Structures are given as C-alpha cells and as structure tokens.
Amino acid sequence: MPTTPFTHQQTPIPSPVYSRINVGNFMARLLVEIECREQWKGQMPVLYNRALKGS
C-alpha cells in the first residue's frame, strides 16, 4: 500500500491528522536510514498528512 505525502515537525500543532501507514513508513525509515535516525535522535517527531492538491 503506497503512503501519502506527509511532513514531520519538532513540536506538535493542534489536531494532528495522520495515517497509520505513514507512521509505519516513518518508523521503518528510522530503523533503516542512518541519516534519518541521527536527525531525529532524542527528539519526538509528530507526523501530519500534507494536504493533497485539489482536495
């Protein structure tokens, strides 16, 4: 199943909108991609779905 576009922020904003597939994708990237893991080490990223054009 393909993921939808998403963004991650260092601090939460009200009413996060996210999908489990994107959360799983980001978790997998943290495990596999060393650069991604180092970027977010010791932080608490919050995922938000990006609005798709035309929605």
Protein backbone atom coordinates (compact mmCIF):
# COMPACT_ATOMS: atom_id res chain seq x y z
CA MET A 1 0.00 0.00 0.00
CA PRO A 2 1.57 3.35 -1.01
CA THR A 3 2.00 6.11 1.52
CA THR A 4 0.53 9.58 1.12
CA PRO A 5 2.65 12.74 1.34
CA PHE A 6 3.42 13.71 4.94
CA THR A 7 5.60 16.04 6.95
CA HIS A 8 7.18 15.81 10.40
CA GLN A 9 7.56 18.60 12.92
CA GLN A 10 9.63 19.01 16.07
CA THR A 11 6.70 20.34 18.10
CA PRO A 12 3.05 19.35 17.95
CA ILE A 13 0.38 21.58 16.47
CA PRO A 14 -3.31 21.27 17.40
CA SER A 15 -5.37 18.45 15.90
CA PRO A 16 -2.80 16.26 14.16
CA VAL A 17 -4.07 14.43 11.09
CA TYR A 18 -2.03 11.36 10.24
CA SER A 19 -2.42 7.87 8.86
CA ARG A 20 -1.04 4.67 10.33
CA ILE A 21 0.63 3.76 7.03
CA ASN A 22 2.69 6.97 7.19
CA VAL A 23 3.59 6.36 10.84
CA GLY A 24 4.74 2.84 9.95
CA ASN A 25 6.71 4.15 6.98
CA PHE A 26 8.48 6.74 9.12
CA MET A 27 9.26 4.17 11.82
CA ALA A 28 10.76 1.87 9.18
CA ARG A 29 12.86 4.76 7.81
CA LEU A 30 14.17 5.41 11.34
CA LEU A 31 15.30 1.79 11.52
CA VAL A 32 16.84 1.57 8.05
CA GLU A 33 18.13 5.07 7.20
CA ILE A 34 21.02 6.10 9.45
CA GLU A 35 20.78 9.77 8.40
CA CYS A 36 17.09 9.90 9.32
CA ARG A 37 17.75 8.20 12.66
CA GLU A 38 20.55 10.64 13.52
CA GLN A 39 18.40 13.65 12.53
CA TRP A 40 15.60 12.64 14.91
CA LYS A 41 17.70 11.06 17.69
CA GLY A 42 16.48 12.22 21.11
CA GLN A 43 13.52 14.09 19.60
CA MET A 44 9.81 13.34 19.37
CA PRO A 45 8.66 13.87 15.76
CA VAL A 46 4.96 14.37 15.14
CA LEU A 47 3.61 13.35 11.72
CA TYR A 48 0.98 15.32 9.81
CA ASN A 49 -0.55 14.44 6.46
CA ARG A 50 0.05 17.10 3.82
CA ALA A 51 -2.99 18.41 2.01
CA LEU A 52 -3.15 16.91 -1.45
CA LYS A 53 -3.56 19.35 -4.35
CA GLY A 54 -7.17 19.55 -5.43
CA SER A 55 -8.55 18.33 -2.07
